[in-house]
Protein backbone atom coordinates (compact mmCIF):
# COMPACT_ATOMS: atom_id res chain seq x y z
CA MET A 1 -68.30 132.48 79.57
CA ASN A 2 -71.18 132.48 82.04
CA ILE A 3 -71.60 129.14 83.84
CA ARG A 4 -75.25 128.65 84.64
CA TYR A 5 -74.83 125.63 86.89
CA ARG A 6 -71.79 125.69 89.16
CA VAL A 7 -70.67 122.38 90.70
CA GLU A 8 -69.26 122.54 94.22
CA LEU A 9 -68.70 119.12 95.75
CA SER A 10 -68.49 118.43 99.45
CA GLU A 11 -65.56 116.42 100.75
CA ALA A 12 -67.82 113.37 101.14
CA GLU A 13 -69.15 113.70 97.58
CA ARG A 14 -65.66 114.11 96.19
CA THR A 15 -64.48 111.00 98.05
CA GLU A 16 -67.47 109.03 96.77
CA LEU A 17 -66.73 109.95 93.16
CA GLU A 18 -63.02 109.17 93.48
CA THR A 19 -63.88 105.78 95.00
CA LEU A 20 -66.29 105.13 92.13
CA LEU A 21 -63.57 105.80 89.57
CA SER A 22 -60.87 103.85 91.41
CA GLY A 23 -62.33 100.39 90.87
CA GLY A 24 -65.31 98.08 90.58
CA LYS A 25 -67.65 97.40 87.68
CA HIS A 26 -69.85 100.35 86.72
CA ALA A 27 -71.56 101.52 83.56
CA ALA A 28 -69.32 103.62 81.30
CA ARG A 29 -71.87 106.46 81.23
CA LYS A 30 -71.90 106.60 85.04
CA LEU A 31 -68.10 106.81 85.15
CA LYS A 32 -68.11 109.65 82.61
CA ARG A 33 -70.63 111.60 84.69
CA ALA A 34 -68.37 111.18 87.74
CA GLN A 35 -65.44 112.54 85.71
CA ILE A 36 -67.55 115.48 84.57
CA LEU A 37 -68.50 116.41 88.15
CA LEU A 38 -64.93 116.16 89.43
CA ALA A 39 -63.61 118.25 86.55
CA ALA A 40 -66.34 120.86 87.02
CA ASP A 41 -65.61 121.01 90.74
CA ALA A 42 -61.94 121.65 89.89
CA GLY A 43 -62.97 124.68 87.83
CA ALA A 44 -62.66 123.30 84.29
CA GLY A 45 -64.86 124.82 81.60
CA ASP A 46 -67.59 122.94 79.76
CA GLU A 47 -65.67 122.76 76.47
CA GLU A 48 -62.55 121.49 78.19
CA ILE A 49 -64.56 118.89 80.13
CA ALA A 50 -66.30 117.69 76.98
CA ARG A 51 -62.96 117.33 75.19
CA THR A 52 -61.09 115.54 77.98
CA VAL A 53 -63.92 113.20 79.04
CA GLY A 54 -64.96 112.47 75.46
CA VAL A 55 -68.60 113.53 75.61
CA GLY A 56 -70.79 116.16 74.03
CA GLY A 57 -71.38 119.56 75.49
CA SER A 58 -75.03 118.74 76.15
CA THR A 59 -73.98 115.80 78.34
CA VAL A 60 -71.81 118.09 80.45
CA TYR A 61 -74.66 120.60 80.74
CA ARG A 62 -77.27 117.99 81.74
CA THR A 63 -75.01 116.34 84.32
CA LYS A 64 -74.22 119.64 86.02
CA ARG A 65 -77.88 120.66 85.95
CA ARG A 66 -79.05 117.43 87.57
CA PHE A 67 -76.44 117.85 90.31
CA VAL A 68 -77.32 121.46 91.08
CA LEU A 69 -81.09 120.97 90.92
CA GLY A 70 -81.04 117.56 92.53
CA ASN A 71 -78.18 115.73 94.19
CA LEU A 72 -75.21 113.51 93.46
CA GLU A 73 -77.33 110.41 92.94
CA ALA A 74 -79.54 112.22 90.43
CA ALA A 75 -76.50 113.42 88.50
CA LEU A 76 -74.97 109.95 88.26
CA SER A 77 -78.15 108.03 87.40
CA GLU A 78 -79.96 107.64 84.09
CA GLU A 79 -82.82 109.97 83.23
CA PRO A 80 -86.02 108.26 82.12
CA ARG A 81 -85.77 107.73 78.37
CA PRO A 82 -88.70 108.61 76.13
CA GLY A 83 -90.38 105.83 74.23
CA GLY A 84 -93.69 104.33 73.26
CA ALA A 85 -95.76 102.25 75.62
CA ARG A 86 -95.40 98.48 75.40
CA LYS A 87 -97.75 97.03 72.83
CA LEU A 88 -98.60 93.96 74.89
CA SER A 89 -100.02 94.02 78.40
CA GLY A 90 -98.91 91.54 81.03
CA LYS A 91 -101.82 89.21 80.26
CA GLU A 92 -101.21 89.46 76.51
CA GLU A 93 -97.54 88.70 76.98
CA ALA A 94 -98.45 85.62 79.02
CA LEU A 95 -100.80 84.60 76.20
CA LEU A 96 -97.97 85.01 73.67
CA VAL A 97 -95.67 82.79 75.74
CA ALA A 98 -98.38 80.13 76.12
CA THR A 99 -99.07 80.22 72.37
CA ALA A 100 -95.38 79.88 71.51
CA CYS A 101 -95.14 76.83 73.78
CA ALA A 102 -98.20 75.17 72.22
CA LYS A 103 -98.36 73.15 69.01
CA PRO A 104 -97.99 75.18 65.80
CA PRO A 105 -100.93 75.50 63.34
CA ALA A 106 -101.85 72.51 61.19
CA GLY A 107 -99.51 72.13 58.25
CA ARG A 108 -96.63 74.01 59.91
CA ALA A 109 -93.64 72.33 61.52
CA ARG A 110 -92.93 75.14 63.99
CA TRP A 111 -93.95 78.62 65.02
CA THR A 112 -92.40 81.62 63.26
CA LEU A 113 -92.52 85.25 64.34
CA GLU A 114 -95.04 86.01 61.58
CA LEU A 115 -97.29 83.12 62.61
CA LEU A 116 -97.21 84.20 66.26
CA ALA A 117 -97.96 87.82 65.34
CA GLY A 118 -100.95 86.67 63.29
CA ALA A 119 -102.16 84.42 66.09
CA MET A 120 -101.97 87.27 68.61
CA VAL A 121 -104.02 89.53 66.33
CA LYS A 122 -106.74 86.87 66.28
CA LEU A 123 -106.59 86.27 70.05
CA THR A 124 -106.48 89.92 71.16
CA GLU A 125 -107.97 93.23 70.11
CA HIS A 126 -104.81 94.41 68.35
CA GLY A 127 -105.37 95.31 64.73
CA GLU A 128 -101.77 94.44 63.89
CA LEU A 129 -98.59 93.36 65.64
CA SER A 130 -95.07 93.51 64.26
CA ARG A 131 -92.70 90.57 64.24
CA GLU A 132 -90.18 92.74 66.13
CA THR A 133 -92.60 93.18 69.03
CA VAL A 134 -93.08 89.41 69.15
CA ARG A 135 -89.33 88.79 68.93
CA ARG A 136 -88.55 91.14 71.82
CA ARG A 137 -91.18 89.69 74.11
CA LEU A 138 -90.01 86.15 73.35
CA ALA A 139 -86.38 87.14 73.93
CA GLU A 140 -87.28 88.54 77.34
CA ASN A 141 -88.73 85.12 78.21
CA ASP A 142 -85.80 83.23 76.63
CA LEU A 143 -88.03 81.52 74.06
CA LYS A 144 -87.09 80.49 70.51
CA PRO A 145 -90.01 78.36 69.28
CA TRP A 146 -88.44 77.88 65.82
CA ARG A 147 -85.57 75.91 67.39
CA ARG A 148 -85.61 72.44 68.85
CA ASP A 149 -83.11 70.47 70.90
CA MET A 150 -82.86 66.71 70.50
CA TRP A 151 -82.15 64.63 73.56
CA CYS A 152 -82.71 61.06 74.57
CA ILE A 153 -84.84 60.23 77.58
CA PRO A 154 -83.22 57.21 79.25
CA GLU A 155 -85.20 54.37 80.70
CA VAL A 156 -84.11 54.33 84.33
CA ASP A 157 -84.43 50.72 85.36
CA GLY A 158 -82.43 48.43 87.58
CA THR A 159 -79.71 47.97 84.95
CA TYR A 160 -79.35 51.72 84.50
CA VAL A 161 -79.02 52.32 88.23
CA ALA A 162 -76.60 49.42 88.74
CA ARG A 163 -74.25 50.64 86.02
CA MET A 164 -74.49 54.26 87.19
CA GLU A 165 -73.63 53.42 90.79
CA ASP A 166 -70.84 51.07 89.65
CA VAL A 167 -69.17 53.93 87.74
CA LEU A 168 -69.72 56.46 90.52
CA ASP A 169 -68.22 54.09 93.07
CA LEU A 170 -65.10 53.75 90.91
CA TYR A 171 -64.72 57.53 90.82
CA ALA A 172 -65.04 57.70 94.62
CA GLU A 173 -62.29 55.14 95.32
CA PRO A 174 -58.90 56.34 96.61
CA PRO A 175 -56.06 56.21 94.05
CA ASP A 176 -54.49 52.78 93.62
CA PRO A 177 -51.54 52.55 91.17
CA LYS A 178 -52.03 48.80 90.91
CA ARG A 179 -55.71 49.16 89.99
CA PRO A 180 -56.08 52.48 88.11
CA VAL A 181 -59.43 53.72 86.80
CA VAL A 182 -59.26 55.01 83.23
CA CYS A 183 -62.10 56.59 81.27
CA PHE A 184 -62.08 55.92 77.53
CA ASP A 185 -64.03 57.24 74.56
CA GLU A 186 -63.64 58.28 70.95
CA SER A 187 -64.57 61.37 68.98
CA PRO A 188 -64.40 62.14 65.25
CA THR A 189 -62.93 65.41 64.01
CA GLN A 190 -62.81 67.03 60.59
CA LEU A 191 -59.61 68.05 58.84
CA ILE A 192 -60.27 71.55 57.52
CA GLY A 193 -57.63 73.27 55.41
CA GLU A 194 -57.23 76.85 54.25
CA VAL A 195 -57.76 77.76 50.61
CA ARG A 196 -55.93 81.06 51.17
CA GLN A 197 -53.48 81.79 53.96
CA PRO A 198 -54.88 83.90 56.82
CA ILE A 199 -53.55 87.44 57.28
CA PRO A 200 -51.92 87.73 60.74
CA ALA A 201 -53.19 90.25 63.25
CA THR A 202 -51.50 93.63 63.55
CA PRO A 203 -52.00 96.48 66.04
CA GLY A 204 -55.51 97.76 65.45
CA GLN A 205 -56.38 94.97 63.01
CA LEU A 206 -57.82 91.53 63.82
CA GLU A 207 -56.50 88.39 62.16
CA ARG A 208 -58.40 87.82 58.93
CA TYR A 209 -59.14 84.49 57.31
CA ASP A 210 -61.03 83.55 54.18
CA CYS A 211 -64.57 82.20 54.49
CA GLU A 212 -63.73 79.51 51.94
CA TYR A 213 -62.09 76.35 53.24
CA ARG A 214 -61.07 72.93 52.03
CA ARG A 215 -62.33 69.62 53.45
CA ASN A 216 -59.49 67.14 53.81
CA GLY A 217 -61.40 64.22 55.28
CA THR A 218 -61.78 63.19 58.88
CA ALA A 219 -59.75 61.63 61.66
CA ASN A 220 -60.73 59.83 64.84
CA LEU A 221 -59.54 60.57 68.35
CA PHE A 222 -59.29 57.88 71.02
CA VAL A 223 -59.02 59.61 74.39
CA PHE A 224 -57.82 58.10 77.69
CA LEU A 225 -58.23 59.88 81.03
CA ASP A 226 -56.96 58.68 84.41
CA VAL A 227 -59.65 59.39 87.00
CA HIS A 228 -57.28 59.74 89.95
CA GLN A 229 -54.12 61.09 88.31
CA PRO A 230 -53.45 64.17 86.12
CA TRP A 231 -52.88 62.14 82.97
CA ARG A 232 -54.60 61.92 79.63
CA LYS A 233 -53.61 60.47 76.27
CA VAL A 234 -55.06 61.13 72.82
CA LYS A 235 -54.44 58.71 69.96
CA VAL A 236 -55.22 59.87 66.42
CA THR A 237 -56.38 57.20 63.94
CA ASP A 238 -57.98 57.10 60.51
CA SER A 239 -60.83 54.86 61.64
CA ARG A 240 -62.60 53.61 64.76
CA THR A 241 -63.16 49.96 64.08
CA ALA A 242 -63.15 47.08 66.54
CA ARG A 243 -59.52 46.48 65.56
CA ASP A 244 -58.65 50.10 66.44
CA PHE A 245 -60.34 49.68 69.82
CA ALA A 246 -58.45 46.45 70.47
CA GLN A 247 -55.15 48.16 69.67
CA CYS A 248 -56.01 50.94 72.13
CA MET A 249 -56.62 48.37 74.85
CA ARG A 250 -53.27 46.73 74.14
CA ASP A 251 -51.55 50.13 74.34
CA LEU A 252 -53.30 50.75 77.64
CA VAL A 253 -51.99 47.49 79.08
CA ASP A 254 -48.49 47.37 77.59
CA LEU A 255 -47.49 51.03 77.11
CA HIS A 256 -49.42 53.22 79.53
CA TYR A 257 -49.89 50.94 82.58
CA PRO A 258 -47.37 48.11 82.25
CA LYS A 259 -47.04 47.67 86.04
CA ALA A 260 -50.75 47.72 86.88
CA GLU A 261 -52.31 44.45 88.02
CA ARG A 262 -55.80 45.34 86.79
CA ILE A 263 -56.96 48.40 84.84
CA ARG A 264 -60.61 49.37 85.39
CA VAL A 265 -61.84 50.97 82.14
CA VAL A 266 -65.00 53.10 82.02
CA LEU A 267 -66.52 53.17 78.54
CA ASP A 268 -69.84 53.39 76.73
CA ASN A 269 -71.91 50.73 74.99
CA LEU A 270 -70.64 51.16 71.43
CA SER A 271 -70.70 47.84 69.60
CA THR A 272 -66.94 47.91 69.02
CA HIS A 273 -66.22 48.42 72.73
CA SER A 274 -66.34 44.76 73.67
CA ALA A 275 -64.09 41.97 74.83
CA GLY A 276 -64.89 40.16 71.60
CA ALA A 277 -63.15 42.93 69.63
CA LEU A 278 -59.82 41.75 71.01
CA TYR A 279 -60.40 38.20 69.79
CA GLU A 280 -61.26 39.58 66.36
CA ALA A 281 -58.05 41.59 66.26
CA PHE A 282 -55.51 39.28 67.92
CA PRO A 283 -54.82 35.57 68.28
CA ALA A 284 -56.69 34.02 71.19
CA PRO A 285 -53.67 33.81 73.58
CA GLU A 286 -52.86 37.50 73.01
CA ALA A 287 -56.48 38.60 73.43
CA HIS A 288 -56.73 36.53 76.60
CA ARG A 289 -53.52 38.04 77.98
CA ILE A 290 -54.78 41.60 77.47
CA LEU A 291 -58.25 40.92 78.87
CA ARG A 292 -56.81 39.39 82.04
CA ARG A 293 -55.38 42.84 82.80
CA LEU A 294 -58.61 44.71 82.01
CA GLU A 295 -61.91 45.16 83.82
CA LEU A 296 -64.56 46.81 81.63
CA HIS A 297 -67.21 48.97 83.31
CA TYR A 298 -69.96 50.23 81.02
CA THR A 299 -71.98 53.40 81.53
CA PRO A 300 -75.78 53.06 81.25
CA LYS A 301 -77.30 53.47 77.80
CA HIS A 302 -77.92 57.13 76.93
CA ALA A 303 -75.80 58.25 79.89
CA SER A 304 -72.50 59.26 78.32
CA TRP A 305 -72.41 62.19 80.77
CA LEU A 306 -71.31 59.65 83.39
CA ASN A 307 -68.06 59.10 81.49
CA MET A 308 -65.60 61.65 82.87
CA VAL A 309 -63.63 61.67 79.63
CA GLU A 310 -66.54 63.44 77.89
CA ILE A 311 -65.65 66.56 79.86
CA GLU A 312 -62.01 66.21 78.84
CA ILE A 313 -62.99 65.91 75.17
CA GLY A 314 -64.92 69.17 75.54
CA VAL A 315 -61.80 70.83 76.98
CA LEU A 316 -59.73 69.46 74.10
CA ARG A 317 -62.13 70.90 71.53
CA GLY A 318 -62.32 74.26 73.27
CA GLN A 319 -58.59 74.71 73.90
CA CYS A 320 -57.01 73.02 70.89
CA LEU A 321 -59.38 71.99 68.11
CA GLY A 322 -61.54 75.10 67.80
CA ARG A 323 -59.80 76.19 64.59
CA ARG A 324 -58.91 74.93 61.12
CA ILE A 325 -56.35 72.12 61.08
CA GLY A 326 -55.84 70.78 57.59
CA ASP A 327 -53.94 67.49 57.83
CA ARG A 328 -53.39 64.60 60.19
CA LYS A 329 -49.73 65.36 60.88
CA ALA A 330 -50.55 68.89 62.02
CA LEU A 331 -53.46 67.53 64.06
CA GLU A 332 -51.20 65.05 65.86
CA THR A 333 -48.58 67.76 66.54
CA GLU A 334 -51.10 70.20 67.99
CA ILE A 335 -52.85 67.58 70.12
CA ALA A 336 -49.52 66.27 71.43
CA ALA A 337 -48.54 69.81 72.50
CA TRP A 338 -51.92 70.35 74.21
CA GLU A 339 -51.69 66.95 75.94
CA ALA A 340 -48.16 67.60 77.23
CA GLN A 341 -49.06 71.04 78.57
CA ARG A 342 -52.21 69.82 80.30
CA ASN A 343 -50.45 66.84 81.87
CA ALA A 344 -47.55 69.03 83.03
CA ALA A 345 -50.00 71.48 84.59
CA GLY A 346 -51.53 68.67 86.65
CA ALA A 347 -55.02 69.37 85.27
CA ARG A 348 -57.75 67.22 86.76
CA ILE A 349 -61.51 66.85 86.29
CA GLN A 350 -63.24 67.73 89.56
CA TRP A 351 -66.08 65.20 89.66
CA MET A 352 -68.77 66.15 92.20
CA PHE A 353 -71.61 63.72 91.43
CA THR A 354 -71.45 60.77 93.85
CA THR A 355 -73.58 57.70 94.52
CA GLN A 356 -75.06 59.38 97.57
CA ARG A 357 -75.99 62.49 95.61
CA ALA A 358 -77.48 60.33 92.86
CA ARG A 359 -79.77 58.64 95.37
CA ILE A 360 -80.91 62.05 96.58
CA LYS A 361 -81.30 63.84 93.25
CA LEU A 362 -82.61 60.88 91.23
CA LEU A 363 -84.60 59.20 93.98
CA GLN A 364 -87.89 59.45 92.10
CA ALA A 365 -86.30 57.89 89.02
CA TYR A 366 -85.02 54.83 90.89
CA PRO A 367 -87.05 51.65 90.38
CA ASP A 368 -89.59 50.93 93.09
CA PRO A 369 -88.77 47.49 94.55
CA VAL A 370 -91.65 45.06 94.90
CA ASN A 371 -92.34 44.40 98.55
CA GLU A 372 -92.61 40.71 99.31
CA SER A 373 -95.43 39.77 101.65
């Protein structure tokens, strides 16, 4: 067989290709071209190269041709791919982005691809524009005008700042076993059961589960997290009433920190998270006894991100609860196993946001004190 393009690598080129294949992150097509060149340099035929590398004969031919007629870089790189010119110019693309960010037409709740395509036809000289063209240009600019994200804009006043700095100061304190800082919050979770048993994974086959499922109600998770120690505790309950909260506070005092003089608890402003909840749940002497061991520190309204336990709840959902668990007993078993493993591993939340950083980053949001004359 006559070989039209013969590959003869220099020692430097051979070393470069071997280094390329030995490690690092590179495109699969680039690695295959390197294999083709090394095999051709060793004297292998085109059919043998195509079979061993796993490419077509035309790929072998083009790679060798680009090396012989060009150089090593030309052989390894992508050739320009044919394709139509972009429908929208730079100015038209900017106009599309501005339109997508503006209010939708009267009578419509949000922009759709069809509405944007129609609007661009009216605003430009294009006779027509496909929804796919609009979708691609929006995707390049990370825009999805048919979606919205709800968030709450907090009112940053003196109370907000005072509570924020109070919590941040607690996080910055050195560990004190007699005065631990514990973050507390609650989170509902659904009990989802299988209608049909999943089929376990086998070599070459993913685990398969039925799209149909059974709702078995809900459960509530009360989560404790020690700010300065690698400890967390999750309590599963059927409800999250004031009485449930009061029982959690008694557990905190009597079971989890019996030797602590004062437990500083960081929690949000939920109506059940109050000192009064203990008097509603227990006789006055018992409620008074528990509260004498507690010091409640509330995060600002609409600032649950300041509660470190929110991060831990996210970890719990990602590592343990991201699947179907059908009953409370199984839920408690799985959470207990996760909790024990995470505590044994010494896992901690690395909190980086301090009072000093807050005053730098949020300086413009801080209230402006009135200067007295």
